Amino acid sequence: MLAVVDDKNKELVKTYLQILSKKFKGTVHLIYIKDVDYYPAEVLLEVEKAYDTIRDSGLAILNDVAKKAKDLGFDTKVLGVYCGISSERLLSIFKSVDPDVLIDLR
């Protein structure tokens, strides 16, 4: 299972994991994605400057969701925090993880 988490959907992801835990077991791969599309260089520089804050916040959210998943009986793997064009990164992860279920509620 692959779950894409962000600031807005973390509680909803937990709810879906709770529902799915009744039917599935196994490993939940978690990734925090901050979507940044093509923007002028100035915007990208600001995101780079704020990356440490984004990473720390994202890891805290991932750890919270991972704890809930473990409590529900899932094994968890935190894949990390990604800032950028999410479609490219998600495709790469999807191919490597090959999940049975994708939770992407962004």
PDB file of N, CA and C in Angstrom:
ATOM      1  N   MET A   1       0.847  -1.160   0.000  1.00  0.00           N
ATOM      2  CA  MET A   1       0.000   0.000   0.000  1.00  0.00           C
ATOM      3  C   MET A   1       0.900   1.232   0.000  1.00  0.00           C
ATOM      4  N   LEU A   2       0.501   2.234  -0.753  1.00  0.00           N
ATOM      5  CA  LEU A   2       1.232   3.491  -0.819  1.00  0.00           C
ATOM      6  C   LEU A   2       0.274   4.606  -0.433  1.00  0.00           C
ATOM      7  N   ALA A   3       0.661   5.407   0.558  1.00  0.00           N
ATOM      8  CA  ALA A   3      -0.172   6.522   1.012  1.00  0.00           C
ATOM      9  C   ALA A   3       0.591   7.824   0.838  1.00  0.00           C
ATOM     10  N   VAL A   4      -0.039   8.749   0.119  1.00  0.00           N
ATOM     11  CA  VAL A   4       0.533  10.069  -0.104  1.00  0.00           C
ATOM     12  C   VAL A   4      -0.089  11.008   0.920  1.00  0.00           C
ATOM     13  N   VAL A   5       0.752  11.638   1.726  1.00  0.00           N
ATOM     14  CA  VAL A   5       0.279  12.465   2.832  1.00  0.00           C
ATOM     15  C   VAL A   5       0.721  13.907   2.610  1.00  0.00           C
ATOM     16  N   ASP A   6      -0.147  14.831   3.001  1.00  0.00           N
ATOM     17  CA  ASP A   6       0.241  16.240   3.034  1.00  0.00           C
ATOM     18  C   ASP A   6      -0.407  16.893   4.248  1.00  0.00           C
ATOM     19  N   ASP A   7      -0.254  18.204   4.376  1.00  0.00           N
ATOM     20  CA  ASP A   7      -0.774  18.909   5.552  1.00  0.00           C
ATOM     21  C   ASP A   7      -2.282  18.773   5.690  1.00  0.00           C
ATOM     22  N   LYS A   8      -2.981  18.737   4.580  1.00  0.00           N
ATOM     23  CA  LYS A   8      -4.441  18.806   4.604  1.00  0.00           C
ATOM     24  C   LYS A   8      -5.122  17.447   4.713  1.00  0.00           C
ATOM     25  N   ASN A   9      -4.455  16.381   4.298  1.00  0.00           N
ATOM     26  CA  ASN A   9      -5.160  15.102   4.233  1.00  0.00           C
ATOM     27  C   ASN A   9      -4.745  14.072   5.278  1.00  0.00           C
ATOM     28  N   LYS A  10      -3.883  14.451   6.213  1.00  0.00           N
ATOM     29  CA  LYS A  10      -3.333  13.456   7.141  1.00  0.00           C
ATOM     30  C   LYS A  10      -4.408  12.739   7.951  1.00  0.00           C
ATOM     31  N   GLU A  11      -5.421  13.452   8.411  1.00  0.00           N
ATOM     32  CA  GLU A  11      -6.477  12.805   9.194  1.00  0.00           C
ATOM     33  C   GLU A  11      -7.333  11.894   8.319  1.00  0.00           C
ATOM     34  N   LEU A  12      -7.561  12.307   7.093  1.00  0.00           N
ATOM     35  CA  LEU A  12      -8.332  11.487   6.158  1.00  0.00           C
ATOM     36  C   LEU A  12      -7.568  10.218   5.797  1.00  0.00           C
ATOM     37  N   VAL A  13      -6.253  10.323   5.628  1.00  0.00           N
ATOM     38  CA  VAL A  13      -5.429   9.148   5.356  1.00  0.00           C
ATOM     39  C   VAL A  13      -5.527   8.167   6.528  1.00  0.00           C
ATOM     40  N   LYS A  14      -5.473   8.682   7.752  1.00  0.00           N
ATOM     41  CA  LYS A  14      -5.609   7.820   8.932  1.00  0.00           C
ATOM     42  C   LYS A  14      -6.954   7.096   8.927  1.00  0.00           C
ATOM     43  N   THR A  15      -8.010   7.808   8.555  1.00  0.00           N
ATOM     44  CA  THR A  15      -9.344   7.202   8.494  1.00  0.00           C
ATOM     45  C   THR A  15      -9.385   6.090   7.452  1.00  0.00           C
ATOM     46  N   TYR A  16      -8.814   6.340   6.287  1.00  0.00           N
ATOM     47  CA  TYR A  16      -8.773   5.310   5.249  1.00  0.00           C
ATOM     48  C   TYR A  16      -7.959   4.106   5.705  1.00  0.00           C
ATOM     49  N   LEU A  17      -6.850   4.341   6.384  1.00  0.00           N
ATOM     50  CA  LEU A  17      -6.049   3.232   6.894  1.00  0.00           C
ATOM     51  C   LEU A  17      -6.842   2.397   7.891  1.00  0.00           C
ATOM     52  N   GLN A  18      -7.623   3.072   8.714  1.00  0.00           N
ATOM     53  CA  GLN A  18      -8.447   2.348   9.680  1.00  0.00           C
ATOM     54  C   GLN A  18      -9.466   1.463   8.962  1.00  0.00           C
ATOM     55  N   ILE A  19     -10.095   1.993   7.934  1.00  0.00           N
ATOM     56  CA  ILE A  19     -11.065   1.215   7.157  1.00  0.00           C
ATOM     57  C   ILE A  19     -10.369   0.044   6.461  1.00  0.00           C
ATOM     58  N   LEU A  20      -9.234   0.315   5.831  1.00  0.00           N
ATOM     59  CA  LEU A  20      -8.524  -0.722   5.092  1.00  0.00           C
ATOM     60  C   LEU A  20      -7.913  -1.783   5.995  1.00  0.00           C
ATOM     61  N   SER A  21      -7.637  -1.433   7.246  1.00  0.00           N
ATOM     62  CA  SER A  21      -7.020  -2.398   8.168  1.00  0.00           C
ATOM     63  C   SER A  21      -7.938  -3.581   8.446  1.00  0.00           C
ATOM     64  N   LYS A  22      -9.228  -3.413   8.202  1.00  0.00           N
ATOM     65  CA  LYS A  22     -10.184  -4.503   8.415  1.00  0.00           C
ATOM     66  C   LYS A  22     -10.087  -5.549   7.305  1.00  0.00           C
ATOM     67  N   LYS A  23      -9.536  -5.164   6.156  1.00  0.00           N
ATOM     68  CA  LYS A  23      -9.459  -6.072   5.012  1.00  0.00           C
ATOM     69  C   LYS A  23      -8.027  -6.434   4.611  1.00  0.00           C
ATOM     70  N   PHE A  24      -7.090  -5.539   4.892  1.00  0.00           N
ATOM     71  CA  PHE A  24      -5.718  -5.713   4.425  1.00  0.00           C
ATOM     72  C   PHE A  24      -4.738  -5.690   5.592  1.00  0.00           C
ATOM     73  N   LYS A  25      -3.632  -6.342   5.386  1.00  0.00           N
ATOM     74  CA  LYS A  25      -2.466  -6.229   6.263  1.00  0.00           C
ATOM     75  C   LYS A  25      -1.272  -6.065   5.348  1.00  0.00           C
ATOM     76  N   GLY A  26      -0.114  -5.923   5.894  1.00  0.00           N
ATOM     77  CA  GLY A  26       1.070  -5.766   5.061  1.00  0.00           C
ATOM     78  C   GLY A  26       1.781  -4.474   5.376  1.00  0.00           C
ATOM     79  N   THR A  27       2.431  -3.926   4.379  1.00  0.00           N
ATOM     80  CA  THR A  27       3.263  -2.745   4.562  1.00  0.00           C
ATOM     81  C   THR A  27       2.607  -1.528   3.940  1.00  0.00           C
ATOM     82  N   VAL A  28       2.636  -0.439   4.687  1.00  0.00           N
ATOM     83  CA  VAL A  28       2.191   0.851   4.180  1.00  0.00           C
ATOM     84  C   VAL A  28       3.422   1.700   3.940  1.00  0.00           C
ATOM     85  N   HIS A  29       3.618   2.124   2.710  1.00  0.00           N
ATOM     86  CA  HIS A  29       4.700   3.034   2.355  1.00  0.00           C
ATOM     87  C   HIS A  29       4.126   4.445   2.422  1.00  0.00           C
ATOM     88  N   LEU A  30       4.773   5.307   3.185  1.00  0.00           N
ATOM     89  CA  LEU A  30       4.280   6.666   3.383  1.00  0.00           C
ATOM     90  C   LEU A  30       5.233   7.677   2.776  1.00  0.00           C
ATOM     91  N   ILE A  31       4.673   8.628   2.051  1.00  0.00           N
ATOM     92  CA  ILE A  31       5.467   9.724   1.517  1.00  0.00           C
ATOM     93  C   ILE A  31       4.698  11.022   1.720  1.00  0.00           C
ATOM     94  N   TYR A  32       5.422  12.039   2.141  1.00  0.00           N
ATOM     95  CA  TYR A  32       4.868  13.376   2.290  1.00  0.00           C
ATOM     96  C   TYR A  32       5.254  14.152   1.040  1.00  0.00           C
ATOM     97  N   ILE A  33       4.267  14.735   0.382  1.00  0.00           N
ATOM     98  CA  ILE A  33       4.540  15.482  -0.850  1.00  0.00           C
ATOM     99  C   ILE A  33       4.045  16.910  -0.713  1.00  0.00           C
ATOM    100  N   LYS A  34       4.934  17.828  -0.991  1.00  0.00           N
ATOM    101  CA  LYS A  34       4.609  19.254  -1.098  1.00  0.00           C
ATOM    102  C   LYS A  34       4.713  19.567  -2.582  1.00  0.00           C
ATOM    103  N   ASP A  35       3.566  19.750  -3.214  1.00  0.00           N
ATOM    104  CA  ASP A  35       3.521  19.958  -4.661  1.00  0.00           C
ATOM    105  C   ASP A  35       4.002  21.352  -5.024  1.00  0.00           C
ATOM    106  N   VAL A  36       5.037  21.411  -5.836  1.00  0.00           N
ATOM    107  CA  VAL A  36       5.546  22.681  -6.348  1.00  0.00           C
ATOM    108  C   VAL A  36       5.669  22.510  -7.853  1.00  0.00           C
ATOM    109  N   ASP A  37       4.827  23.187  -8.573  1.00  0.00           N
ATOM    110  CA  ASP A  37       4.855  23.114 -10.033  1.00  0.00           C
ATOM    111  C   ASP A  37       5.915  24.056 -10.579  1.00  0.00           C
ATOM    112  N   TYR A  38       5.876  24.235 -11.859  1.00  0.00           N
ATOM    113  CA  TYR A  38       6.827  25.156 -12.487  1.00  0.00           C
ATOM    114  C   TYR A  38       6.482  26.584 -12.095  1.00  0.00           C
ATOM    115  N   TYR A  39       7.410  27.247 -11.463  1.00  0.00           N
ATOM    116  CA  TYR A  39       7.240  28.629 -11.029  1.00  0.00           C
ATOM    117  C   TYR A  39       8.485  29.414 -11.398  1.00  0.00           C
ATOM    118  N   PRO A  40       8.402  30.709 -11.315  1.00  0.00           N
ATOM    119  CA  PRO A  40       9.609  31.506 -11.540  1.00  0.00           C
ATOM    120  C   PRO A  40      10.701  31.124 -10.541  1.00  0.00           C
ATOM    121  N   ALA A  41      11.923  31.381 -10.916  1.00  0.00           N
ATOM    122  CA  ALA A  41      13.076  31.011 -10.085  1.00  0.00           C
ATOM    123  C   ALA A  41      12.982  31.582  -8.680  1.00  0.00           C
ATOM    124  N   GLU A  42      12.414  32.784  -8.533  1.00  0.00           N
ATOM    125  CA  GLU A  42      12.314  33.398  -7.205  1.00  0.00           C
ATOM    126  C   GLU A  42      11.480  32.541  -6.264  1.00  0.00           C
ATOM    127  N   VAL A  43      10.391  31.974  -6.770  1.00  0.00           N
ATOM    128  CA  VAL A  43       9.525  31.133  -5.935  1.00  0.00           C
ATOM    129  C   VAL A  43      10.265  29.860  -5.552  1.00  0.00           C
ATOM    130  N   LEU A  44      10.967  29.272  -6.495  1.00  0.00           N
ATOM    131  CA  LEU A  44      11.706  28.048  -6.197  1.00  0.00           C
ATOM    132  C   LEU A  44      12.806  28.298  -5.170  1.00  0.00           C
ATOM    133  N   LEU A  45      13.440  29.461  -5.228  1.00  0.00           N
ATOM    134  CA  LEU A  45      14.455  29.805  -4.227  1.00  0.00           C
ATOM    135  C   LEU A  45      13.840  29.924  -2.842  1.00  0.00           C
ATOM    136  N   GLU A  46      12.643  30.492  -2.758  1.00  0.00           N
ATOM    137  CA  GLU A  46      11.958  30.604  -1.468  1.00  0.00           C
ATOM    138  C   GLU A  46      11.620  29.221  -0.913  1.00  0.00           C
ATOM    139  N   VAL A  47      11.191  28.310  -1.783  1.00  0.00           N
ATOM    140  CA  VAL A  47      10.887  26.945  -1.342  1.00  0.00           C
ATOM    141  C   VAL A  47      12.162  26.269  -0.847  1.00  0.00           C
ATOM    142  N   GLU A  48      13.263  26.459  -1.559  1.00  0.00           N
ATOM    143  CA  GLU A  48      14.539  25.887  -1.116  1.00  0.00           C
ATOM    144  C   GLU A  48      14.938  26.402   0.259  1.00  0.00           C
ATOM    145  N   LYS A  49      14.746  27.691   0.486  1.00  0.00           N
ATOM    146  CA  LYS A  49      15.080  28.279   1.785  1.00  0.00           C
ATOM    147  C   LYS A  49      14.202  27.704   2.882  1.00  0.00           C
ATOM    148  N   ALA A  50      12.964  27.410   2.553  1.00  0.00           N
ATOM    149  CA  ALA A  50      12.009  26.910   3.546  1.00  0.00           C
ATOM    150  C   ALA A  50      12.032  25.391   3.639  1.00  0.00           C
ATOM    151  N   TYR A  51      12.891  24.713   2.863  1.00  0.00           N
ATOM    152  CA  TYR A  51      12.852  23.256   2.792  1.00  0.00           C
ATOM    153  C   TYR A  51      13.070  22.588   4.150  1.00  0.00           C
ATOM    154  N   ASP A  52      13.986  23.089   4.970  1.00  0.00           N
ATOM    155  CA  ASP A  52      14.217  22.471   6.277  1.00  0.00           C
ATOM    156  C   ASP A  52      12.944  22.477   7.116  1.00  0.00           C
ATOM    157  N   THR A  53      12.230  23.582   7.093  1.00  0.00           N
ATOM    158  CA  THR A  53      10.966  23.674   7.827  1.00  0.00           C
ATOM    159  C   THR A  53       9.946  22.710   7.249  1.00  0.00           C
ATOM    160  N   ILE A  54       9.848  22.672   5.921  1.00  0.00           N
ATOM    161  CA  ILE A  54       8.901  21.772   5.244  1.00  0.00           C
ATOM    162  C   ILE A  54       9.253  20.324   5.565  1.00  0.00           C
ATOM    163  N   ARG A  55      10.552  19.991   5.501  1.00  0.00           N
ATOM    164  CA  ARG A  55      10.992  18.623   5.781  1.00  0.00           C
ATOM    165  C   ARG A  55      10.662  18.216   7.218  1.00  0.00           C
ATOM    166  N   ASP A  56      10.965  19.080   8.166  1.00  0.00           N
ATOM    167  CA  ASP A  56      10.702  18.764   9.574  1.00  0.00           C
ATOM    168  C   ASP A  56       9.207  18.597   9.831  1.00  0.00           C
ATOM    169  N   SER A  57       8.415  19.488   9.274  1.00  0.00           N
ATOM    170  CA  SER A  57       6.960  19.396   9.421  1.00  0.00           C
ATOM    171  C   SER A  57       6.430  18.130   8.761  1.00  0.00           C
ATOM    172  N   GLY A  58       6.919  17.842   7.562  1.00  0.00           N
ATOM    173  CA  GLY A  58       6.487  16.647   6.833  1.00  0.00           C
ATOM    174  C   GLY A  58       6.854  15.369   7.556  1.00  0.00           C
ATOM    175  N   LEU A  59       8.060  15.317   8.108  1.00  0.00           N
ATOM    176  CA  LEU A  59       8.480  14.122   8.854  1.00  0.00           C
ATOM    177  C   LEU A  59       7.646  13.926  10.115  1.00  0.00           C
ATOM    178  N   ALA A  60       7.294  15.013  10.773  1.00  0.00           N
ATOM    179  CA  ALA A  60       6.435  14.908  11.959  1.00  0.00           C
ATOM    180  C   ALA A  60       5.066  14.337  11.575  1.00  0.00           C
ATOM    181  N   ILE A  61       4.530  14.810  10.468  1.00  0.00           N
ATOM    182  CA  ILE A  61       3.234  14.310   9.992  1.00  0.00           C
ATOM    183  C   ILE A  61       3.351  12.834   9.602  1.00  0.00           C
ATOM    184  N   LEU A  62       4.414  12.480   8.880  1.00  0.00           N
ATOM    185  CA  LEU A  62       4.612  11.081   8.491  1.00  0.00           C
ATOM    186  C   LEU A  62       4.755  10.174   9.708  1.00  0.00           C
ATOM    187  N   ASN A  63       5.494  10.618  10.716  1.00  0.00           N
ATOM    188  CA  ASN A  63       5.662   9.806  11.919  1.00  0.00           C
ATOM    189  C   ASN A  63       4.335   9.610  12.645  1.00  0.00           C
ATOM    190  N   ASP A  64       3.494  10.639  12.645  1.00  0.00           N
ATOM    191  CA  ASP A  64       2.172  10.536  13.263  1.00  0.00           C
ATOM    192  C   ASP A  64       1.305   9.514  12.522  1.00  0.00           C
ATOM    193  N   VAL A  65       1.291   9.589  11.201  1.00  0.00           N
ATOM    194  CA  VAL A  65       0.502   8.648  10.401  1.00  0.00           C
ATOM    195  C   VAL A  65       1.094   7.237  10.524  1.00  0.00           C
ATOM    196  N   ALA A  66       2.422   7.127  10.561  1.00  0.00           N
ATOM    197  CA  ALA A  66       3.068   5.821  10.717  1.00  0.00           C
ATOM    198  C   ALA A  66       2.697   5.178  12.049  1.00  0.00           C
ATOM    199  N   LYS A  67       2.634   5.966  13.100  1.00  0.00           N
ATOM    200  CA  LYS A  67       2.234   5.439  14.413  1.00  0.00           C
ATOM    201  C   LYS A  67       0.815   4.881  14.354  1.00  0.00           C
ATOM    202  N   LYS A  68      -0.079   5.616  13.721  1.00  0.00           N
ATOM    203  CA  LYS A  68      -1.465   5.157  13.581  1.00  0.00           C
ATOM    204  C   LYS A  68      -1.508   3.865  12.772  1.00  0.00           C
ATOM    205  N   ALA A  69      -0.744   3.813  11.669  1.00  0.00           N
ATOM    206  CA  ALA A  69      -0.722   2.611  10.835  1.00  0.00           C
ATOM    207  C   ALA A  69      -0.194   1.413  11.629  1.00  0.00           C
ATOM    208  N   LYS A  70       0.853   1.624  12.432  1.00  0.00           N
ATOM    209  CA  LYS A  70       1.394   0.536  13.255  1.00  0.00           C
ATOM    210  C   LYS A  70       0.368   0.072  14.280  1.00  0.00           C
ATOM    211  N   ASP A  71      -0.341   1.028  14.876  1.00  0.00           N
ATOM    212  CA  ASP A  71      -1.385   0.681  15.840  1.00  0.00           C
ATOM    213  C   ASP A  71      -2.488  -0.153  15.199  1.00  0.00           C
ATOM    214  N   LEU A  72      -2.694   0.029  13.893  1.00  0.00           N
ATOM    215  CA  LEU A  72      -3.717  -0.719  13.160  1.00  0.00           C
ATOM    216  C   LEU A  72      -3.201  -2.057  12.641  1.00  0.00           C
ATOM    217  N   GLY A  73      -1.928  -2.365  12.900  1.00  0.00           N
ATOM    218  CA  GLY A  73      -1.374  -3.657  12.526  1.00  0.00           C
ATOM    219  C   GLY A  73      -0.576  -3.673  11.233  1.00  0.00           C
ATOM    220  N   PHE A  74      -0.342  -2.526  10.641  1.00  0.00           N
ATOM    221  CA  PHE A  74       0.455  -2.460   9.420  1.00  0.00           C
ATOM    222  C   PHE A  74       1.939  -2.318   9.753  1.00  0.00           C
ATOM    223  N   ASP A  75       2.782  -2.876   8.898  1.00  0.00           N
ATOM    224  CA  ASP A  75       4.194  -2.515   8.909  1.00  0.00           C
ATOM    225  C   ASP A  75       4.280  -1.192   8.167  1.00  0.00           C
ATOM    226  N   THR A  76       5.235  -0.361   8.512  1.00  0.00           N
ATOM    227  CA  THR A  76       5.322   0.925   7.829  1.00  0.00           C
ATOM    228  C   THR A  76       6.740   1.190   7.338  1.00  0.00           C
ATOM    229  N   LYS A  77       6.802   1.889   6.222  1.00  0.00           N
ATOM    230  CA  LYS A  77       8.070   2.384   5.690  1.00  0.00           C
ATOM    231  C   LYS A  77       7.850   3.839   5.321  1.00  0.00           C
ATOM    232  N   VAL A  78       8.611   4.700   5.951  1.00  0.00           N
ATOM    233  CA  VAL A  78       8.534   6.128   5.639  1.00  0.00           C
ATOM    234  C   VAL A  78       9.517   6.394   4.510  1.00  0.00           C
ATOM    235  N   LEU A  79       8.988   6.834   3.375  1.00  0.00           N
ATOM    236  CA  LEU A  79       9.811   7.071   2.195  1.00  0.00           C
ATOM    237  C   LEU A  79      10.412   8.467   2.169  1.00  0.00           C
ATOM    238  N   GLY A  80       9.921   9.352   3.033  1.00  0.00           N
ATOM    239  CA  GLY A  80      10.514  10.671   3.143  1.00  0.00           C
ATOM    240  C   GLY A  80       9.614  11.791   2.669  1.00  0.00           C
ATOM    241  N   VAL A  81      10.227  12.949   2.563  1.00  0.00           N
ATOM    242  CA  VAL A  81       9.532  14.182   2.190  1.00  0.00           C
ATOM    243  C   VAL A  81      10.000  14.574   0.796  1.00  0.00           C
ATOM    244  N   TYR A  82       9.056  14.922  -0.048  1.00  0.00           N
ATOM    245  CA  TYR A  82       9.394  15.341  -1.405  1.00  0.00           C
ATOM    246  C   TYR A  82       8.756  16.687  -1.700  1.00  0.00           C
ATOM    247  N   CYS A  83       9.558  17.589  -2.215  1.00  0.00           N
ATOM    248  CA  CYS A  83       9.103  18.915  -2.610  1.00  0.00           C
ATOM    249  C   CYS A  83       9.376  19.062  -4.097  1.00  0.00           C
ATOM    250  N   GLY A  84       8.341  19.252  -4.876  1.00  0.00           N
ATOM    251  CA  GLY A  84       8.559  19.412  -6.311  1.00  0.00           C
ATOM    252  C   GLY A  84       7.335  19.002  -7.096  1.00  0.00           C
ATOM    253  N   ILE A  85       7.575  18.551  -8.304  1.00  0.00           N
ATOM    254  CA  ILE A  85       6.486  18.122  -9.182  1.00  0.00           C
ATOM    255  C   ILE A  85       6.135  16.693  -8.785  1.00  0.00           C
ATOM    256  N   SER A  86       5.019  16.549  -8.116  1.00  0.00           N
ATOM    257  CA  SER A  86       4.687  15.275  -7.487  1.00  0.00           C
ATOM    258  C   SER A  86       4.420  14.163  -8.482  1.00  0.00           C
ATOM    259  N   SER A  87       3.886  14.467  -9.639  1.00  0.00           N
ATOM    260  CA  SER A  87       3.529  13.409 -10.586  1.00  0.00           C
ATOM    261  C   SER A  87       4.763  12.607 -11.004  1.00  0.00           C
ATOM    262  N   GLU A  88       5.879  13.281 -11.228  1.00  0.00           N
ATOM    263  CA  GLU A  88       7.106  12.581 -11.618  1.00  0.00           C
ATOM    264  C   GLU A  88       7.612  11.680 -10.498  1.00  0.00           C
ATOM    265  N   ARG A  89       7.652  12.212  -9.289  1.00  0.00           N
ATOM    266  CA  ARG A  89       8.153  11.452  -8.142  1.00  0.00           C
ATOM    267  C   ARG A  89       7.220  10.294  -7.814  1.00  0.00           C
ATOM    268  N   LEU A  90       5.919  10.548  -7.867  1.00  0.00           N
ATOM    269  CA  LEU A  90       4.939   9.521  -7.537  1.00  0.00           C
ATOM    270  C   LEU A  90       5.008   8.361  -8.522  1.00  0.00           C
ATOM    271  N   LEU A  91       5.191   8.654  -9.785  1.00  0.00           N
ATOM    272  CA  LEU A  91       5.314   7.599 -10.794  1.00  0.00           C
ATOM    273  C   LEU A  91       6.532   6.729 -10.509  1.00  0.00           C
ATOM    274  N   SER A  92       7.641   7.356 -10.170  1.00  0.00           N
ATOM    275  CA  SER A  92       8.862   6.625  -9.845  1.00  0.00           C
ATOM    276  C   SER A  92       8.661   5.716  -8.631  1.00  0.00           C
ATOM    277  N   ILE A  93       8.058   6.255  -7.600  1.00  0.00           N
ATOM    278  CA  ILE A  93       7.809   5.478  -6.374  1.00  0.00           C
ATOM    279  C   ILE A  93       6.830   4.349  -6.657  1.00  0.00           C
ATOM    280  N   PHE A  94       5.786   4.652  -7.413  1.00  0.00           N
ATOM    281  CA  PHE A  94       4.765   3.650  -7.723  1.00  0.00           C
ATOM    282  C   PHE A  94       5.398   2.454  -8.434  1.00  0.00           C
ATOM    283  N   LYS A  95       6.298   2.732  -9.365  1.00  0.00           N
ATOM    284  CA  LYS A  95       6.960   1.645 -10.094  1.00  0.00           C
ATOM    285  C   LYS A  95       7.859   0.815  -9.171  1.00  0.00           C
ATOM    286  N   SER A  96       8.530   1.456  -8.232  1.00  0.00           N
ATOM    287  CA  SER A  96       9.446   0.715  -7.363  1.00  0.00           C
ATOM    288  C   SER A  96       8.727  -0.042  -6.253  1.00  0.00           C
ATOM    289  N   VAL A  97       7.649   0.526  -5.736  1.00  0.00           N
ATOM    290  CA  VAL A  97       6.917  -0.099  -4.628  1.00  0.00           C
ATOM    291  C   VAL A  97       5.902  -1.120  -5.142  1.00  0.00           C
ATOM    292  N   ASP A  98       5.291  -0.833  -6.291  1.00  0.00           N
ATOM    293  CA  ASP A  98       4.247  -1.682  -6.889  1.00  0.00           C
ATOM    294  C   ASP A  98       3.145  -2.010  -5.873  1.00  0.00           C
ATOM    295  N   PRO A  99       2.454  -0.969  -5.371  1.00  0.00           N
ATOM    296  CA  PRO A  99       1.453  -1.208  -4.323  1.00  0.00           C
ATOM    297  C   PRO A  99       0.155  -1.807  -4.860  1.00  0.00           C
ATOM    298  N   ASP A 100      -0.530  -2.529  -3.982  1.00  0.00           N
ATOM    299  CA  ASP A 100      -1.859  -3.048  -4.314  1.00  0.00           C
ATOM    300  C   ASP A 100      -2.895  -1.945  -4.210  1.00  0.00           C
ATOM    301  N   VAL A 101      -2.658  -1.018  -3.281  1.00  0.00           N
ATOM    302  CA  VAL A 101      -3.599   0.088  -3.011  1.00  0.00           C
ATOM    303  C   VAL A 101      -2.822   1.394  -2.984  1.00  0.00           C
ATOM    304  N   LEU A 102      -3.398   2.418  -3.593  1.00  0.00           N
ATOM    305  CA  LEU A 102      -2.823   3.757  -3.552  1.00  0.00           C
ATOM    306  C   LEU A 102      -3.824   4.670  -2.857  1.00  0.00           C
ATOM    307  N   ILE A 103      -3.360   5.346  -1.799  1.00  0.00           N
ATOM    308  CA  ILE A 103      -4.184   6.354  -1.124  1.00  0.00           C
ATOM    309  C   ILE A 103      -3.576   7.704  -1.462  1.00  0.00           C
ATOM    310  N   ASP A 104      -4.262   8.447  -2.318  1.00  0.00           N
ATOM    311  CA  ASP A 104      -3.806   9.771  -2.713  1.00  0.00           C
ATOM    312  C   ASP A 104      -5.011  10.693  -2.708  1.00  0.00           C
ATOM    313  N   LEU A 105      -5.183  11.430  -1.636  1.00  0.00           N
ATOM    314  CA  LEU A 105      -6.373  12.259  -1.425  1.00  0.00           C
ATOM    315  C   LEU A 105      -6.081  13.734  -1.547  1.00  0.00           C
ATOM    316  N   ARG A 106      -5.040  14.084  -2.275  1.00  0.00           N
ATOM    317  CA  ARG A 106      -4.681  15.488  -2.409  1.00  0.00           C
ATOM    318  C   ARG A 106      -5.609  16.193  -3.363  1.00  0.00           C
TER     319      ARG A 106
END
